[in-house]
Each structure stands twice: as C-alpha cells, then as structure tokens.
Amino acid sequence: MTNYWLIKSEPDAFSWDQQVANGIEPWTGVRNHTAKLNLKAMKKGDFCFFYHSNIGKEIVGIVKVAKEAYPDPTAEAGGWVCVDMKAFKPLKHAVTLAAIKLDTRFTDMALLRQSRLSVGPVSAEHWAMLCEMGGVHV
C-alpha cells in the first residue's frame, strides 16, 4: 500500500529545481522527532509532495521515496535519519498554502494543524484533491 507525505524545503536552501537536477537526493537535516518518525514510516515507492516553505509557500512537485530510512550523515549526534527522494513530476499548477487554507476540506491536514512540521502525512483523499488542484494524476 502506498502512503503519501508532504516534505518541506526552503527553496533558497534546496529547491524543486535542484531536486530535479540531482535526480535522487538524500533528504537530510530533519531535526524534529515527529518528522523523524514520519521519515522512518516511509516505504520505498511512497509519494511525497515537494513543498516550498518560507518563499512561495506552495506545493510545486512530487518526489518518490527511493531508499528507506538510514542514519543521517549530516547529524552530529546519532538517532537522526534521512531517506532518499527521487524527482517524479512537477505540478502543472503550484498549489499555494493560501488556496489550501481556503478549502475547508483540508482543515484536518497536518500541513495546517502542525504548520512547522517539515515532514507530514497526507491522506489518500487529500492527496487526490491536491493532485487535481495541481493538474496532475498519480
């Protein structure tokens, strides 16, 4: 069974364009325990929305988990993990945080309930709606 996620990156630190150029990229630097548990729950083949935080505040693309959780090489102390993400496809239309907030069907989405969480789950229902808003089908 495929699970769905949303991962956030500040585009001035690591953008969608960089993800596409790199192909497969380790998703490192997560230092929140809830986000770490979400990374550990990811399975190879799961899909994730790639969200630009701070600048843009919008979903811009989709990545696929290429390698499940392993020790994060950027962590000084043990216990932190990363996963490898592979660029899958861009959204035809970016889906902004403002648009998501305006739609009452998303009120229980982790993106809105835990706005500072960098890695969060997305329900299959929300995934389908957001894909439709972005003009893609997965």
Protein backbone atom coordinates (compact mmCIF):
# COMPACT_ATOMS: atom_id res chain seq x y z
CA MET A 1 0.00 0.00 0.00
CA THR A 2 1.34 3.40 -0.98
CA ASN A 3 1.45 6.12 1.64
CA TYR A 4 1.50 9.82 0.91
CA TRP A 5 3.53 12.57 2.53
CA LEU A 6 4.43 16.23 2.29
CA ILE A 7 8.03 17.33 2.71
CA LYS A 8 9.10 20.95 3.09
CA SER A 9 12.21 22.68 1.89
CA GLU A 10 13.19 26.32 1.83
CA PRO A 11 13.78 26.98 -1.87
CA ASP A 12 16.77 29.24 -1.20
CA ALA A 13 18.43 26.27 0.61
CA PHE A 14 17.22 23.40 -1.61
CA SER A 15 14.62 23.91 -4.34
CA TRP A 16 12.48 21.75 -6.58
CA ASP A 17 14.76 22.64 -9.49
CA GLN A 18 17.76 21.33 -7.54
CA GLN A 19 15.87 18.13 -6.72
CA VAL A 20 15.11 17.62 -10.42
CA ALA A 21 18.70 18.35 -11.42
CA ASN A 22 20.06 15.92 -8.80
CA GLY A 23 17.55 13.16 -9.59
CA ILE A 24 17.95 11.22 -6.35
CA GLU A 25 18.80 13.22 -3.24
CA PRO A 26 19.13 12.28 0.44
CA TRP A 27 16.54 14.15 2.50
CA THR A 28 18.84 15.18 5.34
CA GLY A 29 18.76 17.70 8.15
CA VAL A 30 15.45 16.80 9.77
CA ARG A 31 15.78 17.55 13.49
CA ASN A 32 12.23 17.21 14.78
CA HIS A 33 11.19 13.97 16.49
CA THR A 34 7.73 13.80 14.90
CA ALA A 35 9.21 14.44 11.45
CA LYS A 36 11.86 11.77 12.16
CA LEU A 37 9.13 9.23 12.95
CA ASN A 38 7.42 10.15 9.68
CA LEU A 39 10.68 9.58 7.78
CA LYS A 40 11.05 6.19 9.48
CA ALA A 41 7.49 5.27 8.42
CA MET A 42 8.16 5.99 4.73
CA LYS A 43 8.45 3.00 2.43
CA LYS A 44 10.20 2.74 -0.91
CA GLY A 45 7.70 3.80 -3.56
CA ASP A 46 5.72 6.18 -1.32
CA PHE A 47 4.91 9.55 -2.90
CA CYS A 48 5.61 12.95 -1.34
CA PHE A 49 4.56 16.43 -2.28
CA PHE A 50 7.57 18.76 -2.52
CA TYR A 51 6.60 21.97 -0.74
CA HIS A 52 8.50 25.25 -0.91
CA SER A 53 8.35 26.78 2.57
CA ASN A 54 9.06 30.37 3.59
CA ILE A 55 9.41 31.55 -0.02
CA GLY A 56 6.42 30.67 -2.17
CA LYS A 57 4.60 28.52 0.41
CA GLU A 58 3.34 26.14 -2.25
CA ILE A 59 3.41 22.55 -3.43
CA VAL A 60 5.47 22.51 -6.61
CA GLY A 61 6.26 18.88 -7.37
CA ILE A 62 6.13 15.21 -6.45
CA VAL A 63 9.01 13.01 -5.34
CA LYS A 64 9.11 9.30 -4.70
CA VAL A 65 10.90 7.54 -1.83
CA ALA A 66 13.86 5.78 -3.45
CA LYS A 67 15.51 4.45 -0.28
CA GLU A 68 14.02 3.94 3.16
CA ALA A 69 15.34 5.49 6.37
CA TYR A 70 19.02 5.22 7.21
CA PRO A 71 21.32 7.22 9.54
CA ASP A 72 21.56 10.88 8.52
CA PRO A 73 25.21 11.58 7.67
CA THR A 74 24.75 15.30 8.48
CA ALA A 75 23.78 14.63 12.11
CA GLU A 76 26.46 15.18 14.74
CA ALA A 77 24.59 13.06 17.28
CA GLY A 78 23.11 9.66 16.43
CA GLY A 79 19.47 8.81 16.10
CA TRP A 80 18.52 11.09 13.19
CA VAL A 81 17.57 9.56 9.86
CA CYS A 82 17.15 10.52 6.23
CA VAL A 83 15.56 8.92 3.19
CA ASP A 84 16.49 9.21 -0.47
CA MET A 85 13.99 11.05 -2.65
CA LYS A 86 13.72 10.81 -6.42
CA ALA A 87 12.16 13.56 -8.52
CA PHE A 88 8.93 12.20 -10.03
CA LYS A 89 7.00 15.03 -11.69
CA PRO A 90 6.25 18.73 -11.33
CA LEU A 91 2.76 20.00 -10.68
CA LYS A 92 1.26 21.76 -13.69
CA HIS A 93 -0.06 24.42 -11.31
CA ALA A 94 1.58 25.13 -7.95
CA VAL A 95 -0.86 24.66 -5.08
CA THR A 96 -0.44 27.51 -2.63
CA LEU A 97 -0.84 27.35 1.11
CA ALA A 98 -3.41 30.15 0.75
CA ALA A 99 -5.54 28.00 -1.58
CA ILE A 100 -5.31 25.03 0.79
CA LYS A 101 -6.33 27.18 3.76
CA LEU A 102 -9.36 28.49 1.85
CA ASP A 103 -10.66 24.96 1.18
CA THR A 104 -12.46 23.59 4.25
CA ARG A 105 -11.83 20.00 3.12
CA PHE A 106 -8.22 20.42 4.33
CA THR A 107 -8.85 21.66 7.88
CA ASP A 108 -7.56 18.42 9.42
CA MET A 109 -4.46 18.18 7.20
CA ALA A 110 -1.10 18.04 9.04
CA LEU A 111 0.16 20.95 6.92
CA LEU A 112 -2.44 23.19 8.57
CA ARG A 113 -2.63 21.59 12.02
CA GLN A 114 1.15 21.34 12.52
CA SER A 115 2.38 24.16 10.33
CA ARG A 116 6.02 23.93 11.46
CA LEU A 117 6.31 20.18 10.80
CA SER A 118 8.74 19.59 7.92
CA VAL A 119 7.64 16.03 7.09
CA GLY A 120 3.98 15.15 7.47
CA PRO A 121 1.44 12.59 6.34
CA VAL A 122 -1.16 13.25 3.65
CA SER A 123 -4.33 11.18 3.50
CA ALA A 124 -5.20 9.44 0.22
CA GLU A 125 -8.26 11.69 -0.04
CA HIS A 126 -6.22 14.87 0.40
CA TRP A 127 -3.59 13.54 -1.99
CA ALA A 128 -6.17 13.09 -4.74
CA MET A 129 -7.66 16.55 -4.19
CA LEU A 130 -4.25 18.25 -4.17
CA CYS A 131 -3.17 16.39 -7.31
CA GLU A 132 -6.36 17.60 -9.01
CA MET A 133 -5.67 21.17 -7.88
CA GLY A 134 -2.12 20.84 -9.23
CA GLY A 135 -3.25 19.46 -12.58
CA VAL A 136 -1.53 16.07 -12.23
CA HIS A 137 -2.58 12.46 -11.82
CA VAL A 138 -0.53 9.93 -9.84
